[in-house]
Structures are given as C-alpha cells and as structure tokens.
ModelCIF file with pLDDT and N, C-alpha, C, O atoms, coordinates in Angstrom:
data_MODEL
#
_entry.id   MODEL 
#
_entity.id                         1 
_entity.type                       polymer 
_entity.pdbx_number_of_molecules   1 
#
_entity_poly.entity_id                      1 
_entity_poly.type                           'polypeptide(L)' 
_entity_poly.nstd_linkage                   no 
_entity_poly.nstd_monomer                   no 
_entity_poly.pdbx_seq_one_letter_code       LGNAMLMGALESVEAENITGLMKLRKFMSEYAVMATIDFGACIIS 
_entity_poly.pdbx_seq_one_letter_code_can   LGNAMLMGALESVEAENITGLMKLRKFMSEYAVMATIDFGACIIS 
_entity_poly.pdbx_strand_id                 A 
#
loop_
_entity_poly_seq.entity_id 
_entity_poly_seq.num 
_entity_poly_seq.mon_id 
_entity_poly_seq.hetero 
1 1  LEU n 
1 2  GLY n 
1 3  ASN n 
1 4  ALA n 
1 5  MET n 
1 6  LEU n 
1 7  MET n 
1 8  GLY n 
1 9  ALA n 
1 10 LEU n 
1 11 GLU n 
1 12 SER n 
1 13 VAL n 
1 14 GLU n 
1 15 ALA n 
1 16 GLU n 
1 17 ASN n 
1 18 ILE n 
1 19 THR n 
1 20 GLY n 
1 21 LEU n 
1 22 MET n 
1 23 LYS n 
1 24 LEU n 
1 25 ARG n 
1 26 LYS n 
1 27 PHE n 
1 28 MET n 
1 29 SER n 
1 30 GLU n 
1 31 TYR n 
1 32 ALA n 
1 33 VAL n 
1 34 MET n 
1 35 ALA n 
1 36 THR n 
1 37 ILE n 
1 38 ASP n 
1 39 PHE n 
1 40 GLY n 
1 41 ALA n 
1 42 CYS n 
1 43 ILE n 
1 44 ILE n 
1 45 SER n 
#
_struct_asym.id          A 
_struct_asym.entity_id   1 
#
loop_
_ma_qa_metric.id 
_ma_qa_metric.mode 
_ma_qa_metric.name 
_ma_qa_metric.software_group_id 
_ma_qa_metric.type 
1 global pLDDT . pLDDT 
2 local  pLDDT . pLDDT 
#
_ma_qa_metric_global.metric_id      1 
_ma_qa_metric_global.metric_value   90.27 
_ma_qa_metric_global.model_id       1 
_ma_qa_metric_global.ordinal_id     1 
#
loop_
_ma_qa_metric_local.label_asym_id 
_ma_qa_metric_local.label_comp_id 
_ma_qa_metric_local.label_seq_id 
_ma_qa_metric_local.metric_id 
_ma_qa_metric_local.metric_value 
_ma_qa_metric_local.model_id 
_ma_qa_metric_local.ordinal_id 
A LEU 1  2 93.00 1 1  
A GLY 2  2 90.00 1 2  
A ASN 3  2 91.00 1 3  
A ALA 4  2 92.00 1 4  
A MET 5  2 90.00 1 5  
A LEU 6  2 91.00 1 6  
A MET 7  2 92.00 1 7  
A GLY 8  2 92.00 1 8  
A ALA 9  2 91.00 1 9  
A LEU 10 2 92.00 1 10 
A GLU 11 2 92.00 1 11 
A SER 12 2 93.00 1 12 
A VAL 13 2 93.00 1 13 
A GLU 14 2 92.00 1 14 
A ALA 15 2 93.00 1 15 
A GLU 16 2 95.00 1 16 
A ASN 17 2 96.00 1 17 
A ILE 18 2 96.00 1 18 
A THR 19 2 96.00 1 19 
A GLY 20 2 96.00 1 20 
A LEU 21 2 96.00 1 21 
A MET 22 2 96.00 1 22 
A LYS 23 2 96.00 1 23 
A LEU 24 2 96.00 1 24 
A ARG 25 2 94.00 1 25 
A LYS 26 2 94.00 1 26 
A PHE 27 2 93.00 1 27 
A MET 28 2 92.00 1 28 
A SER 29 2 91.00 1 29 
A GLU 30 2 91.00 1 30 
A TYR 31 2 89.00 1 31 
A ALA 32 2 87.00 1 32 
A VAL 33 2 86.00 1 33 
A MET 34 2 86.00 1 34 
A ALA 35 2 83.00 1 35 
A THR 36 2 82.00 1 36 
A ILE 37 2 81.00 1 37 
A ASP 38 2 82.00 1 38 
A PHE 39 2 87.00 1 39 
A GLY 40 2 85.00 1 40 
A ALA 41 2 85.00 1 41 
A CYS 42 2 86.00 1 42 
A ILE 43 2 82.00 1 43 
A ILE 44 2 83.00 1 44 
A SER 45 2 83.00 1 45 
#
loop_
_atom_site.group_PDB 
_atom_site.id 
_atom_site.type_symbol 
_atom_site.label_atom_id 
_atom_site.label_alt_id 
_atom_site.label_comp_id 
_atom_site.label_asym_id 
_atom_site.label_entity_id 
_atom_site.label_seq_id 
_atom_site.pdbx_PDB_ins_code 
_atom_site.Cartn_x 
_atom_site.Cartn_y 
_atom_site.Cartn_z 
_atom_site.occupancy 
_atom_site.B_iso_or_equiv 
_atom_site.pdbx_formal_charge 
_atom_site.auth_seq_id 
_atom_site.auth_comp_id 
_atom_site.auth_asym_id 
_atom_site.auth_atom_id 
_atom_site.pdbx_PDB_model_num 
ATOM 1   N N  . LEU A 1 1  ? 12.285  4.312  -4.650  1.00 93.00 ? 1  LEU A N  1 
ATOM 2   C CA . LEU A 1 1  ? 10.884  4.768  -5.156  1.00 93.00 ? 1  LEU A CA 1 
ATOM 3   C C  . LEU A 1 1  ? 9.728   3.846  -4.873  1.00 93.00 ? 1  LEU A C  1 
ATOM 4   O O  . LEU A 1 1  ? 8.647   4.279  -4.474  1.00 93.00 ? 1  LEU A O  1 
ATOM 5   N N  . GLY A 1 2  ? 9.973   2.544  -5.089  1.00 90.00 ? 2  GLY A N  1 
ATOM 6   C CA . GLY A 1 2  ? 8.978   1.516  -4.818  1.00 90.00 ? 2  GLY A CA 1 
ATOM 7   C C  . GLY A 1 2  ? 8.552   1.560  -3.141  1.00 90.00 ? 2  GLY A C  1 
ATOM 8   O O  . GLY A 1 2  ? 7.394   1.450  -2.736  1.00 90.00 ? 2  GLY A O  1 
ATOM 9   N N  . ASN A 1 3  ? 9.476   1.703  -2.476  1.00 91.00 ? 3  ASN A N  1 
ATOM 10  C CA . ASN A 1 3  ? 9.356   1.723  -1.012  1.00 91.00 ? 3  ASN A CA 1 
ATOM 11  C C  . ASN A 1 3  ? 8.659   3.043  -0.570  1.00 91.00 ? 3  ASN A C  1 
ATOM 12  O O  . ASN A 1 3  ? 7.874   3.031  0.378   1.00 91.00 ? 3  ASN A O  1 
ATOM 13  N N  . ALA A 1 4  ? 8.947   4.184  -1.259  1.00 92.00 ? 4  ALA A N  1 
ATOM 14  C CA . ALA A 1 4  ? 8.131   5.394  -0.985  1.00 92.00 ? 4  ALA A CA 1 
ATOM 15  C C  . ALA A 1 4  ? 6.598   5.259  -1.361  1.00 92.00 ? 4  ALA A C  1 
ATOM 16  O O  . ALA A 1 4  ? 5.724   5.766  -0.658  1.00 92.00 ? 4  ALA A O  1 
ATOM 17  N N  . MET A 1 5  ? 6.357   4.619  -2.394  1.00 90.00 ? 5  MET A N  1 
ATOM 18  C CA . MET A 1 5  ? 4.959   4.404  -2.835  1.00 90.00 ? 5  MET A CA 1 
ATOM 19  C C  . MET A 1 5  ? 4.310   3.543  -1.787  1.00 90.00 ? 5  MET A C  1 
ATOM 20  O O  . MET A 1 5  ? 3.236   3.911  -1.309  1.00 90.00 ? 5  MET A O  1 
ATOM 21  N N  . LEU A 1 6  ? 4.902   2.378  -1.376  1.00 91.00 ? 6  LEU A N  1 
ATOM 22  C CA . LEU A 1 6  ? 4.290   1.552  -0.407  1.00 91.00 ? 6  LEU A CA 1 
ATOM 23  C C  . LEU A 1 6  ? 4.132   2.121  0.836   1.00 91.00 ? 6  LEU A C  1 
ATOM 24  O O  . LEU A 1 6  ? 3.092   1.897  1.454   1.00 91.00 ? 6  LEU A O  1 
ATOM 25  N N  . MET A 1 7  ? 5.059   2.875  1.341   1.00 92.00 ? 7  MET A N  1 
ATOM 26  C CA . MET A 1 7  ? 5.003   3.573  2.692   1.00 92.00 ? 7  MET A CA 1 
ATOM 27  C C  . MET A 1 7  ? 3.962   4.612  2.667   1.00 92.00 ? 7  MET A C  1 
ATOM 28  O O  . MET A 1 7  ? 3.222   4.793  3.634   1.00 92.00 ? 7  MET A O  1 
ATOM 29  N N  . GLY A 1 8  ? 3.887   5.305  1.572   1.00 92.00 ? 8  GLY A N  1 
ATOM 30  C CA . GLY A 1 8  ? 2.937   6.224  1.377   1.00 92.00 ? 8  GLY A CA 1 
ATOM 31  C C  . GLY A 1 8  ? 1.453   5.906  1.507   1.00 92.00 ? 8  GLY A C  1 
ATOM 32  O O  . GLY A 1 8  ? 0.619   6.634  2.044   1.00 92.00 ? 8  GLY A O  1 
ATOM 33  N N  . ALA A 1 9  ? 1.228   4.674  0.920   1.00 91.00 ? 9  ALA A N  1 
ATOM 34  C CA . ALA A 1 9  ? -0.035  3.955  0.984   1.00 91.00 ? 9  ALA A CA 1 
ATOM 35  C C  . ALA A 1 9  ? -0.329  3.588  2.329   1.00 91.00 ? 9  ALA A C  1 
ATOM 36  O O  . ALA A 1 9  ? -1.446  3.831  2.784   1.00 91.00 ? 9  ALA A O  1 
ATOM 37  N N  . LEU A 1 10 ? 0.639   2.969  3.090   1.00 92.00 ? 10 LEU A N  1 
ATOM 38  C CA . LEU A 1 10 ? 0.380   2.582  4.430   1.00 92.00 ? 10 LEU A CA 1 
ATOM 39  C C  . LEU A 1 10 ? 0.242   3.718  5.501   1.00 92.00 ? 10 LEU A C  1 
ATOM 40  O O  . LEU A 1 10 ? -0.501  3.574  6.472   1.00 92.00 ? 10 LEU A O  1 
ATOM 41  N N  . GLU A 1 11 ? 1.016   4.903  5.283   1.00 92.00 ? 11 GLU A N  1 
ATOM 42  C CA . GLU A 1 11 ? 0.711   5.949  6.140   1.00 92.00 ? 11 GLU A CA 1 
ATOM 43  C C  . GLU A 1 11 ? -0.692  6.611  5.851   1.00 92.00 ? 11 GLU A C  1 
ATOM 44  O O  . GLU A 1 11 ? -1.355  7.057  6.787   1.00 92.00 ? 11 GLU A O  1 
ATOM 45  N N  . SER A 1 12 ? -1.148  6.675  4.516   1.00 93.00 ? 12 SER A N  1 
ATOM 46  C CA . SER A 1 12 ? -2.365  7.231  4.284   1.00 93.00 ? 12 SER A CA 1 
ATOM 47  C C  . SER A 1 12 ? -3.524  6.319  5.009   1.00 93.00 ? 12 SER A C  1 
ATOM 48  O O  . SER A 1 12 ? -4.425  6.854  5.654   1.00 93.00 ? 12 SER A O  1 
ATOM 49  N N  . VAL A 1 13 ? -3.432  5.001  4.860   1.00 93.00 ? 13 VAL A N  1 
ATOM 50  C CA . VAL A 1 13 ? -4.404  4.002  5.438   1.00 93.00 ? 13 VAL A CA 1 
ATOM 51  C C  . VAL A 1 13 ? -4.398  4.183  6.972   1.00 93.00 ? 13 VAL A C  1 
ATOM 52  O O  . VAL A 1 13 ? -5.447  4.259  7.611   1.00 93.00 ? 13 VAL A O  1 
ATOM 53  N N  . GLU A 1 14 ? -3.176  4.250  7.536   1.00 92.00 ? 14 GLU A N  1 
ATOM 54  C CA . GLU A 1 14 ? -3.099  4.356  8.968   1.00 92.00 ? 14 GLU A CA 1 
ATOM 55  C C  . GLU A 1 14 ? -3.775  5.656  9.570   1.00 92.00 ? 14 GLU A C  1 
ATOM 56  O O  . GLU A 1 14 ? -4.192  5.670  10.728  1.00 92.00 ? 14 GLU A O  1 
ATOM 57  N N  . ALA A 1 15 ? -3.857  6.687  8.768   1.00 93.00 ? 15 ALA A N  1 
ATOM 58  C CA . ALA A 1 15 ? -4.383  7.869  9.187   1.00 93.00 ? 15 ALA A CA 1 
ATOM 59  C C  . ALA A 1 15 ? -5.818  7.932  9.224   1.00 93.00 ? 15 ALA A C  1 
ATOM 60  O O  . ALA A 1 15 ? -6.396  8.784  9.899   1.00 93.00 ? 15 ALA A O  1 
ATOM 61  N N  . GLU A 1 16 ? -6.475  7.000  8.475   1.00 95.00 ? 16 GLU A N  1 
ATOM 62  C CA . GLU A 1 16 ? -7.929  6.930  8.365   1.00 95.00 ? 16 GLU A CA 1 
ATOM 63  C C  . GLU A 1 16 ? -8.622  6.407  9.702   1.00 95.00 ? 16 GLU A C  1 
ATOM 64  O O  . GLU A 1 16 ? -8.091  5.585  10.450  1.00 95.00 ? 16 GLU A O  1 
ATOM 65  N N  . ASN A 1 17 ? -9.810  6.954  9.899   1.00 96.00 ? 17 ASN A N  1 
ATOM 66  C CA . ASN A 1 17 ? -10.554 6.600  11.221  1.00 96.00 ? 17 ASN A CA 1 
ATOM 67  C C  . ASN A 1 17 ? -11.413 5.317  10.944  1.00 96.00 ? 17 ASN A C  1 
ATOM 68  O O  . ASN A 1 17 ? -12.641 5.408  10.921  1.00 96.00 ? 17 ASN A O  1 
ATOM 69  N N  . ILE A 1 18 ? -10.860 4.280  10.761  1.00 96.00 ? 18 ILE A N  1 
ATOM 70  C CA . ILE A 1 18 ? -11.491 2.967  10.378  1.00 96.00 ? 18 ILE A CA 1 
ATOM 71  C C  . ILE A 1 18 ? -10.956 1.893  11.207  1.00 96.00 ? 18 ILE A C  1 
ATOM 72  O O  . ILE A 1 18 ? -9.901  2.073  11.814  1.00 96.00 ? 18 ILE A O  1 
ATOM 73  N N  . THR A 1 19 ? -11.650 0.696  11.290  1.00 96.00 ? 19 THR A N  1 
ATOM 74  C CA . THR A 1 19 ? -11.076 -0.375 11.954  1.00 96.00 ? 19 THR A CA 1 
ATOM 75  C C  . THR A 1 19 ? -9.818  -0.988 11.334  1.00 96.00 ? 19 THR A C  1 
ATOM 76  O O  . THR A 1 19 ? -9.558  -0.882 10.135  1.00 96.00 ? 19 THR A O  1 
ATOM 77  N N  . GLY A 1 20 ? -9.085  -1.608 12.181  1.00 96.00 ? 20 GLY A N  1 
ATOM 78  C CA . GLY A 1 20 ? -7.929  -2.437 11.736  1.00 96.00 ? 20 GLY A CA 1 
ATOM 79  C C  . GLY A 1 20 ? -8.128  -3.318 10.552  1.00 96.00 ? 20 GLY A C  1 
ATOM 80  O O  . GLY A 1 20 ? -7.282  -3.422 9.664   1.00 96.00 ? 20 GLY A O  1 
ATOM 81  N N  . LEU A 1 21 ? -9.295  -3.966 10.559  1.00 96.00 ? 21 LEU A N  1 
ATOM 82  C CA . LEU A 1 21 ? -9.610  -4.884 9.463   1.00 96.00 ? 21 LEU A CA 1 
ATOM 83  C C  . LEU A 1 21 ? -9.688  -4.096 8.204   1.00 96.00 ? 21 LEU A C  1 
ATOM 84  O O  . LEU A 1 21 ? -9.098  -4.472 7.191   1.00 96.00 ? 21 LEU A O  1 
ATOM 85  N N  . MET A 1 22 ? -10.437 -2.958 8.247   1.00 96.00 ? 22 MET A N  1 
ATOM 86  C CA . MET A 1 22 ? -10.708 -2.125 6.975   1.00 96.00 ? 22 MET A CA 1 
ATOM 87  C C  . MET A 1 22 ? -9.245  -1.573 6.602   1.00 96.00 ? 22 MET A C  1 
ATOM 88  O O  . MET A 1 22 ? -8.886  -1.661 5.428   1.00 96.00 ? 22 MET A O  1 
ATOM 89  N N  . LYS A 1 23 ? -8.461  -1.055 7.481   1.00 96.00 ? 23 LYS A N  1 
ATOM 90  C CA . LYS A 1 23 ? -7.189  -0.639 7.077   1.00 96.00 ? 23 LYS A CA 1 
ATOM 91  C C  . LYS A 1 23 ? -6.349  -1.723 6.431   1.00 96.00 ? 23 LYS A C  1 
ATOM 92  O O  . LYS A 1 23 ? -5.608  -1.471 5.481   1.00 96.00 ? 23 LYS A O  1 
ATOM 93  N N  . LEU A 1 24 ? -6.469  -2.884 6.936   1.00 96.00 ? 24 LEU A N  1 
ATOM 94  C CA . LEU A 1 24 ? -5.619  -4.025 6.329   1.00 96.00 ? 24 LEU A CA 1 
ATOM 95  C C  . LEU A 1 24 ? -6.110  -4.281 4.825   1.00 96.00 ? 24 LEU A C  1 
ATOM 96  O O  . LEU A 1 24 ? -5.342  -4.487 3.886   1.00 96.00 ? 24 LEU A O  1 
ATOM 97  N N  . ARG A 1 25 ? -7.563  -4.234 4.737   1.00 94.00 ? 25 ARG A N  1 
ATOM 98  C CA . ARG A 1 25 ? -8.045  -4.510 3.423   1.00 94.00 ? 25 ARG A CA 1 
ATOM 99  C C  . ARG A 1 25 ? -7.631  -3.525 2.494   1.00 94.00 ? 25 ARG A C  1 
ATOM 100 O O  . ARG A 1 25 ? -7.208  -3.886 1.396   1.00 94.00 ? 25 ARG A O  1 
ATOM 101 N N  . LYS A 1 26 ? -7.705  -2.180 2.831   1.00 94.00 ? 26 LYS A N  1 
ATOM 102 C CA . LYS A 1 26 ? -7.327  -1.058 2.011   1.00 94.00 ? 26 LYS A CA 1 
ATOM 103 C C  . LYS A 1 26 ? -5.925  -1.080 1.563   1.00 94.00 ? 26 LYS A C  1 
ATOM 104 O O  . LYS A 1 26 ? -5.620  -0.831 0.397   1.00 94.00 ? 26 LYS A O  1 
ATOM 105 N N  . PHE A 1 27 ? -4.961  -1.413 2.590   1.00 93.00 ? 27 PHE A N  1 
ATOM 106 C CA . PHE A 1 27 ? -3.528  -1.457 2.289   1.00 93.00 ? 27 PHE A CA 1 
ATOM 107 C C  . PHE A 1 27 ? -3.345  -2.645 1.244   1.00 93.00 ? 27 PHE A C  1 
ATOM 108 O O  . PHE A 1 27 ? -2.667  -2.467 0.232   1.00 93.00 ? 27 PHE A O  1 
ATOM 109 N N  . MET A 1 28 ? -3.952  -3.830 1.508   1.00 92.00 ? 28 MET A N  1 
ATOM 110 C CA . MET A 1 28 ? -3.756  -4.988 0.693   1.00 92.00 ? 28 MET A CA 1 
ATOM 111 C C  . MET A 1 28 ? -4.174  -4.632 -0.754  1.00 92.00 ? 28 MET A C  1 
ATOM 112 O O  . MET A 1 28 ? -3.433  -4.914 -1.696  1.00 92.00 ? 28 MET A O  1 
ATOM 113 N N  . SER A 1 29 ? -5.350  -4.019 -0.927  1.00 91.00 ? 29 SER A N  1 
ATOM 114 C CA . SER A 1 29 ? -5.773  -3.626 -2.246  1.00 91.00 ? 29 SER A CA 1 
ATOM 115 C C  . SER A 1 29 ? -4.886  -2.690 -3.002  1.00 91.00 ? 29 SER A C  1 
ATOM 116 O O  . SER A 1 29 ? -4.741  -2.798 -4.219  1.00 91.00 ? 29 SER A O  1 
ATOM 117 N N  . GLU A 1 30 ? -4.264  -1.724 -2.250  1.00 91.00 ? 30 GLU A N  1 
ATOM 118 C CA . GLU A 1 30 ? -3.322  -0.778 -2.756  1.00 91.00 ? 30 GLU A CA 1 
ATOM 119 C C  . GLU A 1 30 ? -1.842  -1.448 -3.163  1.00 91.00 ? 30 GLU A C  1 
ATOM 120 O O  . GLU A 1 30 ? -1.135  -1.119 -4.116  1.00 91.00 ? 30 GLU A O  1 
ATOM 121 N N  . TYR A 1 31 ? -1.592  -2.436 -2.208  1.00 89.00 ? 31 TYR A N  1 
ATOM 122 C CA . TYR A 1 31 ? -0.239  -3.204 -2.388  1.00 89.00 ? 31 TYR A CA 1 
ATOM 123 C C  . TYR A 1 31 ? -0.370  -4.127 -3.784  1.00 89.00 ? 31 TYR A C  1 
ATOM 124 O O  . TYR A 1 31 ? 0.545   -4.241 -4.599  1.00 89.00 ? 31 TYR A O  1 
ATOM 125 N N  . ALA A 1 32 ? -1.645  -4.745 -3.896  1.00 87.00 ? 32 ALA A N  1 
ATOM 126 C CA . ALA A 1 32 ? -1.789  -5.529 -5.041  1.00 87.00 ? 32 ALA A CA 1 
ATOM 127 C C  . ALA A 1 32 ? -1.708  -4.780 -6.276  1.00 87.00 ? 32 ALA A C  1 
ATOM 128 O O  . ALA A 1 32 ? -1.187  -5.369 -7.224  1.00 87.00 ? 32 ALA A O  1 
ATOM 129 N N  . VAL A 1 33 ? -2.155  -3.499 -6.468  1.00 86.00 ? 33 VAL A N  1 
ATOM 130 C CA . VAL A 1 33 ? -2.175  -2.594 -7.425  1.00 86.00 ? 33 VAL A CA 1 
ATOM 131 C C  . VAL A 1 33 ? -0.644  -2.371 -7.794  1.00 86.00 ? 33 VAL A C  1 
ATOM 132 O O  . VAL A 1 33 ? -0.165  -2.637 -8.896  1.00 86.00 ? 33 VAL A O  1 
ATOM 133 N N  . MET A 1 34 ? 0.074   -1.828 -6.682  1.00 86.00 ? 34 MET A N  1 
ATOM 134 C CA . MET A 1 34 ? 1.442   -1.503 -6.888  1.00 86.00 ? 34 MET A CA 1 
ATOM 135 C C  . MET A 1 34 ? 2.249   -2.671 -7.361  1.00 86.00 ? 34 MET A C  1 
ATOM 136 O O  . MET A 1 34 ? 3.247   -2.396 -8.028  1.00 86.00 ? 34 MET A O  1 
ATOM 137 N N  . ALA A 1 35 ? 1.995   -3.866 -7.135  1.00 83.00 ? 35 ALA A N  1 
ATOM 138 C CA . ALA A 1 35 ? 2.691   -5.054 -7.538  1.00 83.00 ? 35 ALA A CA 1 
ATOM 139 C C  . ALA A 1 35 ? 2.697   -5.249 -9.026  1.00 83.00 ? 35 ALA A C  1 
ATOM 140 O O  . ALA A 1 35 ? 3.426   -6.061 -9.596  1.00 83.00 ? 35 ALA A O  1 
ATOM 141 N N  . THR A 1 36 ? 1.821   -4.435 -9.632  1.00 82.00 ? 36 THR A N  1 
ATOM 142 C CA . THR A 1 36 ? 1.692   -4.585 -11.207 1.00 82.00 ? 36 THR A CA 1 
ATOM 143 C C  . THR A 1 36 ? 2.351   -3.408 -11.965 1.00 82.00 ? 36 THR A C  1 
ATOM 144 O O  . THR A 1 36 ? 2.388   -3.384 -13.195 1.00 82.00 ? 36 THR A O  1 
ATOM 145 N N  . ILE A 1 37 ? 2.896   -2.386 -11.146 1.00 81.00 ? 37 ILE A N  1 
ATOM 146 C CA . ILE A 1 37 ? 3.308   -1.161 -11.925 1.00 81.00 ? 37 ILE A CA 1 
ATOM 147 C C  . ILE A 1 37 ? 4.786   -0.820 -11.536 1.00 81.00 ? 37 ILE A C  1 
ATOM 148 O O  . ILE A 1 37 ? 5.175   -0.868 -10.369 1.00 81.00 ? 37 ILE A O  1 
ATOM 149 N N  . ASP A 1 38 ? 5.506   -0.505 -12.493 1.00 82.00 ? 38 ASP A N  1 
ATOM 150 C CA . ASP A 1 38 ? 6.998   -0.041 -12.393 1.00 82.00 ? 38 ASP A CA 1 
ATOM 151 C C  . ASP A 1 38 ? 7.597   -0.227 -11.042 1.00 82.00 ? 38 ASP A C  1 
ATOM 152 O O  . ASP A 1 38 ? 7.970   -1.345 -10.687 1.00 82.00 ? 38 ASP A O  1 
ATOM 153 N N  . PHE A 1 39 ? 7.714   0.889  -10.220 1.00 87.00 ? 39 PHE A N  1 
ATOM 154 C CA . PHE A 1 39 ? 8.568   0.850  -9.066  1.00 87.00 ? 39 PHE A CA 1 
ATOM 155 C C  . PHE A 1 39 ? 7.990   -0.025 -7.875  1.00 87.00 ? 39 PHE A C  1 
ATOM 156 O O  . PHE A 1 39 ? 8.743   -0.562 -7.063  1.00 87.00 ? 39 PHE A O  1 
ATOM 157 N N  . GLY A 1 40 ? 6.746   -0.126 -7.824  1.00 85.00 ? 40 GLY A N  1 
ATOM 158 C CA . GLY A 1 40 ? 6.069   -0.991 -6.881  1.00 85.00 ? 40 GLY A CA 1 
ATOM 159 C C  . GLY A 1 40 ? 6.477   -2.376 -7.142  1.00 85.00 ? 40 GLY A C  1 
ATOM 160 O O  . GLY A 1 40 ? 6.778   -3.100 -6.193  1.00 85.00 ? 40 GLY A O  1 
ATOM 161 N N  . ALA A 1 41 ? 6.516   -2.836 -8.441  1.00 85.00 ? 41 ALA A N  1 
ATOM 162 C CA . ALA A 1 41 ? 6.803   -4.114 -8.763  1.00 85.00 ? 41 ALA A CA 1 
ATOM 163 C C  . ALA A 1 41 ? 8.247   -4.462 -8.586  1.00 85.00 ? 41 ALA A C  1 
ATOM 164 O O  . ALA A 1 41 ? 8.632   -5.619 -8.416  1.00 85.00 ? 41 ALA A O  1 
ATOM 165 N N  . CYS A 1 42 ? 9.083   -3.351 -8.635  1.00 86.00 ? 42 CYS A N  1 
ATOM 166 C CA . CYS A 1 42 ? 10.494  -3.540 -8.553  1.00 86.00 ? 42 CYS A CA 1 
ATOM 167 C C  . CYS A 1 42 ? 10.905  -4.126 -7.033  1.00 86.00 ? 42 CYS A C  1 
ATOM 168 O O  . CYS A 1 42 ? 11.619  -5.101 -6.800  1.00 86.00 ? 42 CYS A O  1 
ATOM 169 N N  . ILE A 1 43 ? 10.274  -3.281 -6.115  1.00 82.00 ? 43 ILE A N  1 
ATOM 170 C CA . ILE A 1 43 ? 10.517  -3.705 -4.605  1.00 82.00 ? 43 ILE A CA 1 
ATOM 171 C C  . ILE A 1 43 ? 9.944   -5.213 -4.314  1.00 82.00 ? 43 ILE A C  1 
ATOM 172 O O  . ILE A 1 43 ? 10.447  -5.935 -3.453  1.00 82.00 ? 43 ILE A O  1 
ATOM 173 N N  . ILE A 1 44 ? 9.001   -5.546 -5.008  1.00 83.00 ? 44 ILE A N  1 
ATOM 174 C CA . ILE A 1 44 ? 8.315   -6.848 -4.785  1.00 83.00 ? 44 ILE A CA 1 
ATOM 175 C C  . ILE A 1 44 ? 9.011   -7.901 -5.656  1.00 83.00 ? 44 ILE A C  1 
ATOM 176 O O  . ILE A 1 44 ? 9.180   -9.020 -5.173  1.00 83.00 ? 44 ILE A O  1 
ATOM 177 N N  . SER A 1 45 ? 9.392   -7.656 -6.795  1.00 83.00 ? 45 SER A N  1 
ATOM 178 C CA . SER A 1 45 ? 9.820   -8.674 -7.739  1.00 83.00 ? 45 SER A CA 1 
ATOM 179 C C  . SER A 1 45 ? 11.549  -8.782 -7.825  1.00 83.00 ? 45 SER A C  1 
ATOM 180 O O  . SER A 1 45 ? 12.080  -9.597 -8.579  1.00 83.00 ? 45 SER A O  1 
#
C-alpha cells in the first residue's frame, strides 16, 4: 500500500508538463508528506 501511494505520486508528477526540476520538487514534497502517514511511513521506516 505504501508503494502504491508513492508510485501514484510519481506517475502523477511525471505526467505534468513541467521541467524536471519542478517534477523533482513536487515529488519530494509529496514523499515528505507520505513519510509521516501510515502506509507511506511503513515503506520508509
């Protein structure tokens, strides 16, 4: 479930028509949020 959350965030960011830097920033922000909640925290911790 944690992996599904992270991959979902990645695929959503990848689909956006923005620069690589902006995609990286957006994913990092999403990843940081997921690191604090149930299943996202599981795959990380």
